[in-house]
Amino acid sequence: MPITKYNNILSDELYKETIEYIKSLMKKEGQQFTTSILNWEDGLIENSTPILKYDFYTYDDAFRKKIKAEIETKIPYFIDGFMLYVWPNSSYITWHNDGIYKAGLTIYLNEKWDSNWGGYLMYEENEEIKAIKPEKNLGVLQENGVNHMVTTINVGANLRTTLQFFLRKKKKML
C-alpha cells in the first residue's frame, strides 16, 4: 500500500508542545519563513496562493530531536529533516510524486478541520483516486512515489498547518 495512516502519531504532550512551538515561531519577529513561490517548481504551484514554509534548523535542535525520536519509533524510515507548511485560503499543490524521495510523511496539526474547507490529500491507488481529510495529529506516510495532490483550501477556512517530512533511508523494523 502506498499510504499508511497513523492516528495520534505524536503523544498528547508532544502534540501540545509542537502547537506552542509553532505559535511562538509565527509570532517571532524576523523569523525565516519562505514561500512555495520561491522553492517549488512552477508546475506544482500554478495559481496557488503562496504557502508559507519554515525549515527547522540547528537553533531548533531540542525540538527537532524530540520529534525525530518519537516519530522514528513509529515509521520504517529515518528522518533527515522536516519543515512546517502553513496553507492559507486559495492554496493547493498539483499532482506530483515526490520522485527523488523514498517516502514522505505529513502530520496534520489543526485542532479541527471542517469537511467544507478543502485541503484534502488526494492520491492514486490502483487507478482509483482516494482522499484523506486533514485531522488533528494524523500522520500520513506516502511511499513508493505515489501520485498525490492537495485540494484547494477554500475561502473562510482556517490556515491548514502541517509538518512535512521527506524520508530517504528505510530502516529495519523489529
Protein backbone atom coordinates (compact mmCIF):
# COMPACT_ATOMS: atom_id res chain seq x y z
CA MET A 1 0.00 0.00 0.00
CA PRO A 2 1.36 3.40 -0.92
CA ILE A 3 -0.40 5.16 2.00
CA THR A 4 -0.31 4.34 5.73
CA LYS A 5 -2.28 6.36 8.29
CA TYR A 6 -1.14 6.84 11.90
CA ASN A 7 -3.81 8.22 14.22
CA ASN A 8 -2.38 10.30 17.08
CA ILE A 9 1.14 9.94 15.72
CA LEU A 10 2.51 12.36 18.32
CA SER A 11 1.94 11.82 22.03
CA ASP A 12 -0.52 14.31 23.55
CA GLU A 13 2.36 16.04 25.32
CA LEU A 14 4.50 16.39 22.18
CA TYR A 15 1.50 17.45 20.09
CA LYS A 16 0.76 20.30 22.57
CA GLU A 17 4.43 21.27 22.68
CA THR A 18 4.52 21.32 18.85
CA ILE A 19 1.49 23.62 18.66
CA GLU A 20 3.04 26.02 21.22
CA TYR A 21 6.39 25.95 19.43
CA ILE A 22 4.75 26.79 16.11
CA LYS A 23 2.74 29.62 17.69
CA SER A 24 5.98 31.10 19.02
CA LEU A 25 7.62 30.79 15.56
CA MET A 26 4.70 32.60 13.93
CA LYS A 27 4.93 35.49 16.41
CA LYS A 28 8.72 35.83 16.42
CA GLU A 29 9.87 38.92 14.56
CA GLY A 30 12.38 38.31 11.79
CA GLN A 31 11.60 34.58 11.58
CA GLN A 32 12.98 32.85 8.50
CA PHE A 33 9.89 31.76 6.60
CA THR A 34 9.99 31.31 2.86
CA THR A 35 7.18 30.51 0.40
CA SER A 36 6.28 27.91 -2.18
CA ILE A 37 6.74 30.54 -4.92
CA LEU A 38 10.45 30.73 -4.14
CA ASN A 39 11.08 27.00 -3.69
CA TRP A 40 8.70 24.91 -5.77
CA GLU A 41 8.60 24.20 -9.48
CA ASP A 42 6.06 26.26 -11.45
CA GLY A 43 4.11 23.10 -12.32
CA LEU A 44 3.37 22.45 -8.63
CA ILE A 45 2.20 25.99 -7.93
CA GLU A 46 0.03 27.02 -10.87
CA ASN A 47 -2.30 29.71 -9.40
CA SER A 48 -1.98 28.73 -5.74
CA THR A 49 -1.74 31.36 -3.06
CA PRO A 50 1.81 31.16 -1.61
CA ILE A 51 2.27 28.53 1.08
CA LEU A 52 4.49 29.54 4.00
CA LYS A 53 7.39 27.20 4.68
CA TYR A 54 9.71 27.03 7.67
CA ASP A 55 12.71 24.68 7.74
CA PHE A 56 13.71 23.53 11.22
CA TYR A 57 17.39 24.36 11.74
CA THR A 58 20.06 23.88 14.39
CA TYR A 59 18.60 26.55 16.66
CA ASP A 60 15.50 24.32 16.78
CA ASP A 61 17.68 21.36 17.78
CA ALA A 62 15.98 20.33 21.05
CA PHE A 63 12.55 20.40 19.38
CA ARG A 64 13.82 18.58 16.28
CA LYS A 65 15.37 15.81 18.36
CA LYS A 66 12.12 15.22 20.30
CA ILE A 67 10.03 14.99 17.11
CA LYS A 68 12.58 12.78 15.35
CA ALA A 69 12.95 10.40 18.32
CA GLU A 70 9.21 9.89 18.73
CA ILE A 71 8.30 9.52 15.06
CA GLU A 72 11.18 7.18 14.21
CA THR A 73 9.77 4.66 16.70
CA LYS A 74 6.59 4.50 14.60
CA ILE A 75 7.61 4.66 10.93
CA PRO A 76 10.01 2.45 8.93
CA TYR A 77 12.29 5.35 7.90
CA PHE A 78 14.96 7.63 9.29
CA ILE A 79 14.24 11.37 9.31
CA ASP A 80 16.90 13.73 7.99
CA GLY A 81 14.94 16.94 8.47
CA PHE A 82 11.49 18.42 8.31
CA MET A 83 9.56 21.60 7.78
CA LEU A 84 6.38 23.42 8.70
CA TYR A 85 3.87 24.34 5.98
CA VAL A 86 1.14 26.92 6.59
CA TRP A 87 -1.53 26.79 3.88
CA PRO A 88 -3.75 29.91 3.53
CA ASN A 89 -7.05 30.17 1.67
CA SER A 90 -6.78 29.50 -2.10
CA SER A 91 -3.57 27.48 -1.74
CA TYR A 92 -3.09 23.97 -3.13
CA ILE A 93 -0.50 21.76 -4.79
CA THR A 94 -0.92 20.00 -8.12
CA TRP A 95 -0.47 16.29 -8.86
CA HIS A 96 3.11 15.11 -8.28
CA ASN A 97 5.01 12.14 -6.83
CA ASP A 98 7.94 13.43 -4.70
CA GLY A 99 10.08 11.36 -7.09
CA ILE A 100 13.52 11.88 -5.54
CA TYR A 101 12.44 10.66 -2.07
CA LYS A 102 11.72 7.14 -0.84
CA ALA A 103 8.77 8.39 1.19
CA GLY A 104 7.07 11.41 2.71
CA LEU A 105 5.23 11.90 5.98
CA THR A 106 2.67 14.61 6.67
CA ILE A 107 1.36 15.36 10.15
CA TYR A 108 -1.79 17.48 10.36
CA LEU A 109 -1.75 19.96 13.24
CA ASN A 110 -5.17 21.64 13.06
CA GLU A 111 -7.34 21.12 16.15
CA LYS A 112 -10.37 20.85 13.86
CA TRP A 113 -10.92 20.76 10.12
CA ASP A 114 -14.33 21.28 8.55
CA SER A 115 -15.08 18.99 5.59
CA ASN A 116 -16.13 22.04 3.54
CA TRP A 117 -12.72 23.73 3.88
CA GLY A 118 -10.99 21.59 1.22
CA GLY A 119 -7.31 20.88 1.78
CA TYR A 120 -7.77 17.14 1.28
CA LEU A 121 -4.81 14.95 0.37
CA MET A 122 -5.81 13.09 -2.77
CA TYR A 123 -3.81 10.17 -4.12
CA GLU A 124 -4.00 7.45 -6.75
CA GLU A 125 -4.13 3.79 -5.78
CA ASN A 126 -4.91 1.03 -8.28
CA GLU A 127 -6.16 3.58 -10.83
CA GLU A 128 -8.61 4.95 -8.26
CA ILE A 129 -8.47 8.40 -6.67
CA LYS A 130 -8.80 8.44 -2.89
CA ALA A 131 -8.89 11.32 -0.40
CA ILE A 132 -7.81 11.92 3.18
CA LYS A 133 -9.30 14.70 5.29
CA PRO A 134 -6.80 16.63 7.43
CA GLU A 135 -7.45 15.54 11.02
CA LYS A 136 -5.77 16.52 14.26
CA ASN A 137 -2.48 14.67 14.85
CA LEU A 138 -2.95 12.33 11.88
CA GLY A 139 0.25 11.14 10.26
CA VAL A 140 0.09 10.07 6.61
CA LEU A 141 3.05 8.15 5.22
CA GLN A 142 3.34 8.08 1.42
CA GLU A 143 5.69 5.52 -0.08
CA ASN A 144 6.96 4.42 -3.48
CA GLY A 145 6.36 7.68 -5.34
CA VAL A 146 2.58 7.64 -5.01
CA ASN A 147 0.96 10.28 -7.21
CA HIS A 148 -0.80 12.83 -4.96
CA MET A 149 -2.02 16.42 -4.59
CA VAL A 150 -3.70 18.75 -2.07
CA THR A 151 -7.06 20.25 -2.97
CA THR A 152 -7.63 24.00 -2.71
CA ILE A 153 -8.11 25.41 0.78
CA ASN A 154 -11.44 27.21 0.49
CA VAL A 155 -12.20 30.83 1.37
CA GLY A 156 -13.19 31.06 5.03
CA ALA A 157 -11.15 28.01 6.09
CA ASN A 158 -8.64 28.13 8.92
CA LEU A 159 -4.98 28.02 7.99
CA ARG A 160 -4.06 24.40 7.21
CA THR A 161 -0.93 23.62 9.23
CA THR A 162 1.26 20.58 8.65
CA LEU A 163 4.67 19.18 9.43
CA GLN A 164 6.24 17.69 6.30
CA PHE A 165 9.00 15.09 6.36
CA PHE A 166 10.85 13.81 3.32
CA LEU A 167 12.41 10.43 4.02
CA ARG A 168 15.34 8.84 2.24
CA LYS A 169 16.54 5.73 4.06
CA LYS A 170 14.37 2.81 5.08
CA LYS A 171 15.16 1.09 8.37
CA LYS A 172 14.54 -2.42 9.59
CA MET A 173 11.54 -2.65 11.91
CA LEU A 174 11.51 -5.29 14.67
